[in-house]
Amino acid sequence: MKFLIINGPNLNFLGIREKQIYGTQDYEALKKLIGEKAARDNDTVEFFQSNHEGAIIDRIQEAYSDGTEGIVINPGALTHYSYALHDALASYHTFPKIEVHISDIQNREEWRKISVTAPACDGQIFGKGFPGYLEAMDRIKKLKNGD
């Protein structure tokens, strides 16, 4: 299965920013963890990270014709206000999309509890750290298999 892992603004600063919330592991450690799972499961994974909303939207649109079979997306702060990102995710229903957040967004600031992008996805996982991405990959496989 071909996964596209999208990370939004500031996720390239994992291990640097707010270590008490996001931990000390960096973005490369996240990619390594996901890559190892993909290798074990005979899956293909592509990573895309951008601090720019339009670049993320462009990449989502490209996914509809490049063989992507599932998207795991952590939109970062775009989660809470990007209706443009919502619309890009909602444009097609050809494959599952799962929104992931490393921290427990329900136990943080009030504004973080609202996701405008989650309704355009097939599920949301939060508060599980890096393993949340792996859970999202498994959930996408189940959705693809009709489970």
N, C-alpha and C. Protein backbone atom coordinates (compact mmCIF):
# COMPACT_ATOMS: atom_id res chain seq x y z
N MET A 1 0.84 -1.17 0.00
CA MET A 1 0.00 0.00 0.00
C MET A 1 0.89 1.24 0.00
N LYS A 2 0.46 2.26 -0.71
CA LYS A 2 1.23 3.50 -0.79
C LYS A 2 0.60 4.57 0.11
N PHE A 3 1.36 4.98 1.12
CA PHE A 3 0.92 6.02 2.06
C PHE A 3 1.62 7.34 1.75
N LEU A 4 0.88 8.42 1.93
CA LEU A 4 1.45 9.76 1.93
C LEU A 4 1.32 10.30 3.35
N ILE A 5 2.43 10.64 3.96
CA ILE A 5 2.45 11.18 5.32
C ILE A 5 2.72 12.68 5.20
N ILE A 6 1.72 13.48 5.54
CA ILE A 6 1.82 14.93 5.43
C ILE A 6 1.92 15.54 6.82
N ASN A 7 2.91 16.39 6.99
CA ASN A 7 3.07 17.13 8.24
C ASN A 7 3.10 18.62 7.93
N GLY A 8 2.31 19.36 8.69
CA GLY A 8 2.17 20.78 8.46
C GLY A 8 3.16 21.63 9.23
N PRO A 9 2.80 22.89 9.42
CA PRO A 9 3.69 23.88 10.01
C PRO A 9 4.31 23.46 11.34
N ASN A 10 5.59 23.70 11.44
CA ASN A 10 6.41 23.53 12.64
C ASN A 10 6.71 22.09 13.02
N LEU A 11 6.16 21.12 12.30
CA LEU A 11 6.47 19.74 12.65
C LEU A 11 7.90 19.37 12.28
N ASN A 12 8.52 20.12 11.41
CA ASN A 12 9.94 19.93 11.13
C ASN A 12 10.79 20.35 12.34
N PHE A 13 10.19 21.01 13.31
CA PHE A 13 10.89 21.44 14.52
C PHE A 13 10.65 20.50 15.71
N LEU A 14 10.16 19.30 15.45
CA LEU A 14 10.02 18.32 16.53
C LEU A 14 11.39 18.12 17.17
N GLY A 15 11.41 17.96 18.47
CA GLY A 15 12.65 17.81 19.20
C GLY A 15 13.29 19.13 19.57
N ILE A 16 12.79 20.20 18.99
CA ILE A 16 13.29 21.54 19.26
C ILE A 16 12.23 22.35 20.01
N ARG A 17 11.01 22.31 19.50
CA ARG A 17 9.94 23.14 20.05
C ARG A 17 9.17 22.41 21.14
N GLU A 18 8.81 23.11 22.17
CA GLU A 18 7.92 22.63 23.23
C GLU A 18 8.13 21.15 23.57
N LYS A 19 9.32 20.83 24.02
CA LYS A 19 9.68 19.44 24.31
C LYS A 19 8.78 18.82 25.37
N GLN A 20 8.26 19.63 26.26
CA GLN A 20 7.37 19.13 27.31
C GLN A 20 6.04 18.64 26.72
N ILE A 21 5.71 19.08 25.52
CA ILE A 21 4.47 18.67 24.86
C ILE A 21 4.75 17.61 23.79
N TYR A 22 5.76 17.86 22.96
CA TYR A 22 6.01 17.02 21.79
C TYR A 22 7.15 16.03 21.96
N GLY A 23 7.87 16.12 23.07
CA GLY A 23 8.97 15.20 23.32
C GLY A 23 10.29 15.67 22.74
N THR A 24 11.29 14.84 22.88
CA THR A 24 12.64 15.21 22.47
C THR A 24 13.07 14.58 21.15
N GLN A 25 12.27 13.66 20.62
CA GLN A 25 12.63 13.05 19.34
C GLN A 25 12.36 14.02 18.21
N ASP A 26 13.24 14.01 17.21
CA ASP A 26 13.11 14.96 16.11
C ASP A 26 12.30 14.38 14.95
N TYR A 27 12.14 15.21 13.93
CA TYR A 27 11.35 14.83 12.76
C TYR A 27 11.95 13.62 12.05
N GLU A 28 13.26 13.53 12.03
CA GLU A 28 13.92 12.38 11.39
C GLU A 28 13.59 11.08 12.14
N ALA A 29 13.47 11.16 13.46
CA ALA A 29 13.09 9.97 14.25
C ALA A 29 11.67 9.54 13.91
N LEU A 30 10.78 10.50 13.71
CA LEU A 30 9.41 10.17 13.31
C LEU A 30 9.42 9.47 11.94
N LYS A 31 10.14 10.02 11.00
CA LYS A 31 10.22 9.42 9.67
C LYS A 31 10.81 8.02 9.73
N LYS A 32 11.82 7.83 10.56
CA LYS A 32 12.44 6.51 10.70
C LYS A 32 11.44 5.50 11.26
N LEU A 33 10.71 5.87 12.29
CA LEU A 33 9.71 4.99 12.89
C LEU A 33 8.66 4.56 11.86
N ILE A 34 8.16 5.52 11.11
CA ILE A 34 7.15 5.23 10.09
C ILE A 34 7.75 4.39 8.97
N GLY A 35 8.96 4.74 8.54
CA GLY A 35 9.62 3.98 7.48
C GLY A 35 9.87 2.54 7.85
N GLU A 36 10.24 2.30 9.11
CA GLU A 36 10.47 0.93 9.57
C GLU A 36 9.18 0.12 9.54
N LYS A 37 8.08 0.73 9.96
CA LYS A 37 6.79 0.04 9.91
C LYS A 37 6.41 -0.28 8.46
N ALA A 38 6.59 0.70 7.59
CA ALA A 38 6.26 0.49 6.18
C ALA A 38 7.07 -0.66 5.60
N ALA A 39 8.35 -0.73 5.94
CA ALA A 39 9.21 -1.81 5.45
C ALA A 39 8.73 -3.17 5.96
N ARG A 40 8.39 -3.23 7.26
CA ARG A 40 7.90 -4.49 7.85
C ARG A 40 6.62 -4.96 7.17
N ASP A 41 5.76 -3.99 6.83
CA ASP A 41 4.44 -4.31 6.26
C ASP A 41 4.44 -4.34 4.73
N ASN A 42 5.61 -4.21 4.13
CA ASN A 42 5.73 -4.16 2.66
C ASN A 42 4.91 -3.04 2.05
N ASP A 43 4.90 -1.89 2.70
CA ASP A 43 4.20 -0.72 2.21
C ASP A 43 5.21 0.29 1.70
N THR A 44 4.72 1.24 0.96
CA THR A 44 5.52 2.36 0.47
C THR A 44 5.05 3.60 1.20
N VAL A 45 6.00 4.44 1.58
CA VAL A 45 5.64 5.66 2.29
C VAL A 45 6.40 6.83 1.70
N GLU A 46 5.68 7.92 1.50
CA GLU A 46 6.28 9.18 1.06
C GLU A 46 5.99 10.23 2.11
N PHE A 47 6.99 11.01 2.46
CA PHE A 47 6.84 12.06 3.46
C PHE A 47 6.79 13.42 2.77
N PHE A 48 5.91 14.27 3.29
CA PHE A 48 5.84 15.65 2.82
C PHE A 48 5.61 16.54 4.02
N GLN A 49 6.47 17.53 4.20
CA GLN A 49 6.30 18.50 5.28
C GLN A 49 6.45 19.89 4.68
N SER A 50 5.54 20.77 5.09
CA SER A 50 5.65 22.16 4.65
C SER A 50 5.08 23.07 5.72
N ASN A 51 5.65 24.25 5.79
CA ASN A 51 5.13 25.30 6.66
C ASN A 51 4.17 26.21 5.90
N HIS A 52 3.83 25.82 4.67
CA HIS A 52 3.01 26.65 3.80
C HIS A 52 1.72 25.93 3.41
N GLU A 53 0.62 26.54 3.72
CA GLU A 53 -0.70 25.96 3.47
C GLU A 53 -0.89 25.58 2.01
N GLY A 54 -0.56 26.46 1.10
CA GLY A 54 -0.76 26.19 -0.32
C GLY A 54 0.05 25.00 -0.82
N ALA A 55 1.27 24.85 -0.32
CA ALA A 55 2.10 23.71 -0.73
C ALA A 55 1.46 22.39 -0.27
N ILE A 56 0.88 22.40 0.91
CA ILE A 56 0.20 21.19 1.42
C ILE A 56 -1.02 20.88 0.57
N ILE A 57 -1.78 21.90 0.23
CA ILE A 57 -2.96 21.69 -0.62
C ILE A 57 -2.53 21.16 -1.98
N ASP A 58 -1.48 21.73 -2.56
CA ASP A 58 -0.99 21.23 -3.85
C ASP A 58 -0.61 19.76 -3.75
N ARG A 59 0.05 19.37 -2.66
CA ARG A 59 0.48 17.97 -2.53
C ARG A 59 -0.72 17.04 -2.36
N ILE A 60 -1.73 17.47 -1.62
CA ILE A 60 -2.95 16.66 -1.49
C ILE A 60 -3.58 16.47 -2.86
N GLN A 61 -3.66 17.52 -3.64
CA GLN A 61 -4.26 17.40 -4.97
C GLN A 61 -3.46 16.45 -5.86
N GLU A 62 -2.14 16.48 -5.76
CA GLU A 62 -1.30 15.57 -6.54
C GLU A 62 -1.55 14.12 -6.15
N ALA A 63 -1.90 13.90 -4.88
CA ALA A 63 -2.09 12.53 -4.39
C ALA A 63 -3.22 11.79 -5.10
N TYR A 64 -4.15 12.51 -5.64
CA TYR A 64 -5.29 11.86 -6.28
C TYR A 64 -4.94 11.22 -7.61
N SER A 65 -3.74 11.51 -8.13
CA SER A 65 -3.37 10.91 -9.41
C SER A 65 -1.98 10.26 -9.39
N ASP A 66 -1.38 10.13 -8.21
CA ASP A 66 -0.02 9.57 -8.17
C ASP A 66 0.06 8.18 -7.54
N GLY A 67 -1.08 7.54 -7.37
CA GLY A 67 -1.09 6.18 -6.82
C GLY A 67 -1.19 6.11 -5.31
N THR A 68 -1.31 7.25 -4.65
CA THR A 68 -1.49 7.26 -3.19
C THR A 68 -2.76 6.47 -2.85
N GLU A 69 -2.65 5.64 -1.80
CA GLU A 69 -3.80 4.84 -1.37
C GLU A 69 -4.31 5.24 0.01
N GLY A 70 -3.61 6.13 0.68
CA GLY A 70 -4.04 6.60 1.99
C GLY A 70 -3.18 7.75 2.45
N ILE A 71 -3.81 8.72 3.10
CA ILE A 71 -3.08 9.88 3.63
C ILE A 71 -3.18 9.89 5.15
N VAL A 72 -2.03 10.03 5.79
CA VAL A 72 -1.95 10.34 7.22
C VAL A 72 -1.50 11.79 7.27
N ILE A 73 -2.30 12.63 7.91
CA ILE A 73 -1.99 14.06 7.92
C ILE A 73 -2.02 14.63 9.33
N ASN A 74 -0.96 15.33 9.66
CA ASN A 74 -0.92 16.15 10.86
C ASN A 74 -0.84 17.59 10.36
N PRO A 75 -1.98 18.28 10.30
CA PRO A 75 -1.98 19.62 9.74
C PRO A 75 -1.37 20.69 10.64
N GLY A 76 -0.94 20.31 11.85
CA GLY A 76 -0.41 21.31 12.77
C GLY A 76 -1.48 22.35 13.07
N ALA A 77 -1.08 23.59 13.21
CA ALA A 77 -2.02 24.66 13.54
C ALA A 77 -3.07 24.89 12.46
N LEU A 78 -2.81 24.45 11.22
CA LEU A 78 -3.80 24.59 10.16
C LEU A 78 -5.09 23.84 10.49
N THR A 79 -4.96 22.84 11.36
CA THR A 79 -6.11 22.06 11.81
C THR A 79 -7.27 22.93 12.25
N HIS A 80 -6.94 24.02 12.88
CA HIS A 80 -7.94 24.80 13.60
C HIS A 80 -8.57 25.93 12.80
N TYR A 81 -8.07 26.19 11.60
CA TYR A 81 -8.65 27.31 10.86
C TYR A 81 -8.60 27.19 9.34
N SER A 82 -7.97 26.15 8.79
CA SER A 82 -7.80 26.10 7.35
C SER A 82 -8.96 25.39 6.65
N TYR A 83 -9.94 26.18 6.25
CA TYR A 83 -11.04 25.62 5.47
C TYR A 83 -10.57 25.24 4.07
N ALA A 84 -9.52 25.89 3.60
CA ALA A 84 -8.95 25.53 2.30
C ALA A 84 -8.35 24.12 2.35
N LEU A 85 -7.68 23.80 3.45
CA LEU A 85 -7.15 22.46 3.63
C LEU A 85 -8.28 21.45 3.78
N HIS A 86 -9.31 21.81 4.52
CA HIS A 86 -10.51 20.96 4.63
C HIS A 86 -11.05 20.64 3.25
N ASP A 87 -11.21 21.67 2.42
CA ASP A 87 -11.78 21.46 1.10
C ASP A 87 -10.90 20.56 0.22
N ALA A 88 -9.59 20.70 0.34
CA ALA A 88 -8.69 19.83 -0.43
C ALA A 88 -8.85 18.38 0.01
N LEU A 89 -8.92 18.16 1.31
CA LEU A 89 -9.09 16.80 1.83
C LEU A 89 -10.45 16.22 1.45
N ALA A 90 -11.46 17.07 1.41
CA ALA A 90 -12.83 16.61 1.14
C ALA A 90 -13.12 16.45 -0.36
N SER A 91 -12.20 16.89 -1.20
CA SER A 91 -12.46 16.92 -2.64
C SER A 91 -12.76 15.55 -3.24
N TYR A 92 -12.08 14.53 -2.73
CA TYR A 92 -12.23 13.20 -3.30
C TYR A 92 -12.37 12.17 -2.19
N HIS A 93 -13.02 11.08 -2.52
CA HIS A 93 -13.18 9.99 -1.55
C HIS A 93 -12.62 8.70 -2.13
N THR A 94 -11.52 8.81 -2.83
CA THR A 94 -10.93 7.65 -3.49
C THR A 94 -10.05 6.83 -2.57
N PHE A 95 -9.64 7.40 -1.43
CA PHE A 95 -8.84 6.67 -0.46
C PHE A 95 -9.02 7.29 0.92
N PRO A 96 -8.75 6.51 1.97
CA PRO A 96 -8.93 7.01 3.34
C PRO A 96 -7.88 8.05 3.72
N LYS A 97 -8.30 8.93 4.62
CA LYS A 97 -7.43 9.97 5.17
C LYS A 97 -7.65 10.00 6.68
N ILE A 98 -6.58 9.95 7.45
CA ILE A 98 -6.66 10.00 8.91
C ILE A 98 -5.85 11.19 9.41
N GLU A 99 -6.47 12.00 10.25
CA GLU A 99 -5.79 13.14 10.88
C GLU A 99 -5.13 12.67 12.17
N VAL A 100 -3.89 13.10 12.38
CA VAL A 100 -3.12 12.69 13.55
C VAL A 100 -2.58 13.93 14.26
N HIS A 101 -2.55 13.87 15.59
CA HIS A 101 -1.90 14.89 16.41
C HIS A 101 -1.08 14.18 17.47
N ILE A 102 0.15 14.60 17.64
CA ILE A 102 1.05 13.99 18.61
C ILE A 102 0.56 14.22 20.03
N SER A 103 0.15 15.45 20.31
CA SER A 103 -0.32 15.79 21.66
C SER A 103 -1.82 15.54 21.79
N ASP A 104 -2.29 15.58 23.01
CA ASP A 104 -3.72 15.42 23.29
C ASP A 104 -4.38 16.79 23.14
N ILE A 105 -4.87 17.06 21.95
CA ILE A 105 -5.45 18.37 21.66
C ILE A 105 -6.69 18.67 22.49
N GLN A 106 -7.31 17.65 23.04
CA GLN A 106 -8.51 17.88 23.88
C GLN A 106 -8.16 18.35 25.28
N ASN A 107 -6.89 18.24 25.66
CA ASN A 107 -6.45 18.69 26.98
C ASN A 107 -5.44 19.83 26.88
N ARG A 108 -5.63 20.66 25.85
CA ARG A 108 -4.75 21.81 25.67
C ARG A 108 -5.61 23.08 25.59
N GLU A 109 -5.12 24.10 24.94
CA GLU A 109 -5.88 25.34 24.82
C GLU A 109 -7.23 25.09 24.15
N GLU A 110 -8.20 25.90 24.48
CA GLU A 110 -9.56 25.73 23.93
C GLU A 110 -9.56 25.71 22.40
N TRP A 111 -8.78 26.59 21.79
CA TRP A 111 -8.81 26.67 20.33
C TRP A 111 -8.25 25.43 19.66
N ARG A 112 -7.43 24.66 20.38
CA ARG A 112 -6.88 23.43 19.80
C ARG A 112 -7.88 22.28 19.78
N LYS A 113 -8.95 22.42 20.51
CA LYS A 113 -9.96 21.35 20.59
C LYS A 113 -10.83 21.28 19.34
N ILE A 114 -10.78 22.33 18.53
CA ILE A 114 -11.63 22.41 17.34
C ILE A 114 -10.79 22.10 16.11
N SER A 115 -11.24 21.13 15.34
CA SER A 115 -10.58 20.80 14.09
C SER A 115 -11.55 21.03 12.94
N VAL A 116 -11.17 21.91 12.02
CA VAL A 116 -11.99 22.10 10.83
C VAL A 116 -11.60 21.12 9.74
N THR A 117 -10.48 20.43 9.91
CA THR A 117 -10.03 19.47 8.91
C THR A 117 -10.50 18.05 9.19
N ALA A 118 -10.71 17.70 10.45
CA ALA A 118 -11.12 16.32 10.80
C ALA A 118 -12.39 15.87 10.09
N PRO A 119 -13.40 16.73 9.93
CA PRO A 119 -14.61 16.26 9.24
C PRO A 119 -14.37 15.84 7.79
N ALA A 120 -13.27 16.26 7.20
CA ALA A 120 -12.94 15.86 5.83
C ALA A 120 -12.11 14.58 5.80
N CYS A 121 -11.83 14.03 6.97
CA CYS A 121 -11.03 12.80 7.09
C CYS A 121 -11.93 11.66 7.55
N ASP A 122 -11.37 10.47 7.52
CA ASP A 122 -12.10 9.27 7.93
C ASP A 122 -11.86 8.92 9.39
N GLY A 123 -11.16 9.76 10.09
CA GLY A 123 -10.90 9.54 11.51
C GLY A 123 -9.84 10.49 12.00
N GLN A 124 -9.71 10.52 13.33
CA GLN A 124 -8.73 11.39 13.98
C GLN A 124 -8.11 10.63 15.15
N ILE A 125 -6.80 10.75 15.27
CA ILE A 125 -6.06 10.13 16.37
C ILE A 125 -5.25 11.24 17.02
N PHE A 126 -5.32 11.34 18.35
CA PHE A 126 -4.55 12.37 19.04
C PHE A 126 -4.09 11.87 20.39
N GLY A 127 -2.99 12.47 20.87
CA GLY A 127 -2.50 12.17 22.21
C GLY A 127 -1.72 10.88 22.34
N LYS A 128 -1.30 10.27 21.25
CA LYS A 128 -0.59 9.00 21.31
C LYS A 128 0.87 9.12 20.89
N GLY A 129 1.35 10.35 20.76
CA GLY A 129 2.72 10.55 20.36
C GLY A 129 2.98 10.04 18.95
N PHE A 130 4.23 9.72 18.67
CA PHE A 130 4.60 9.22 17.35
C PHE A 130 3.84 7.94 16.97
N PRO A 131 3.57 7.02 17.92
CA PRO A 131 2.83 5.81 17.54
C PRO A 131 1.44 6.07 16.95
N GLY A 132 0.90 7.25 17.16
CA GLY A 132 -0.38 7.59 16.55
C GLY A 132 -0.34 7.52 15.03
N TYR A 133 0.81 7.84 14.46
CA TYR A 133 0.96 7.74 13.01
C TYR A 133 0.86 6.28 12.55
N LEU A 134 1.46 5.38 13.33
CA LEU A 134 1.42 3.96 12.98
C LEU A 134 0.00 3.42 13.09
N GLU A 135 -0.70 3.86 14.13
CA GLU A 135 -2.10 3.47 14.30
C GLU A 135 -2.93 3.97 13.11
N ALA A 136 -2.64 5.17 12.65
CA ALA A 136 -3.36 5.72 11.50
C ALA A 136 -3.13 4.88 10.25
N MET A 137 -1.91 4.44 10.05
CA MET A 137 -1.62 3.59 8.90
C MET A 137 -2.42 2.29 8.97
N ASP A 138 -2.47 1.69 10.16
CA ASP A 138 -3.25 0.46 10.33
C ASP A 138 -4.73 0.71 10.10
N ARG A 139 -5.22 1.83 10.58
CA ARG A 139 -6.64 2.15 10.41
C ARG A 139 -6.97 2.36 8.94
N ILE A 140 -6.08 2.99 8.21
CA ILE A 140 -6.30 3.19 6.77
C ILE A 140 -6.38 1.84 6.06
N LYS A 141 -5.50 0.92 6.43
CA LYS A 141 -5.54 -0.41 5.81
C LYS A 141 -6.88 -1.10 6.08
N LYS A 142 -7.37 -0.98 7.30
CA LYS A 142 -8.66 -1.58 7.62
C LYS A 142 -9.78 -0.95 6.81
N LEU A 143 -9.73 0.36 6.68
CA LEU A 143 -10.75 1.05 5.87
C LEU A 143 -10.69 0.61 4.43
N LYS A 144 -9.48 0.47 3.88
CA LYS A 144 -9.32 0.03 2.49
C LYS A 144 -9.85 -1.38 2.29
N ASN A 145 -9.74 -2.21 3.34
CA ASN A 145 -10.21 -3.59 3.25
C ASN A 145 -11.67 -3.75 3.63
N GLY A 146 -12.31 -2.64 3.95
CA GLY A 146 -13.73 -2.69 4.31
C GLY A 146 -14.00 -3.15 5.72
N ASP A 147 -12.98 -3.16 6.58
CA ASP A 147 -13.16 -3.60 7.97
C ASP A 147 -13.71 -2.47 8.82
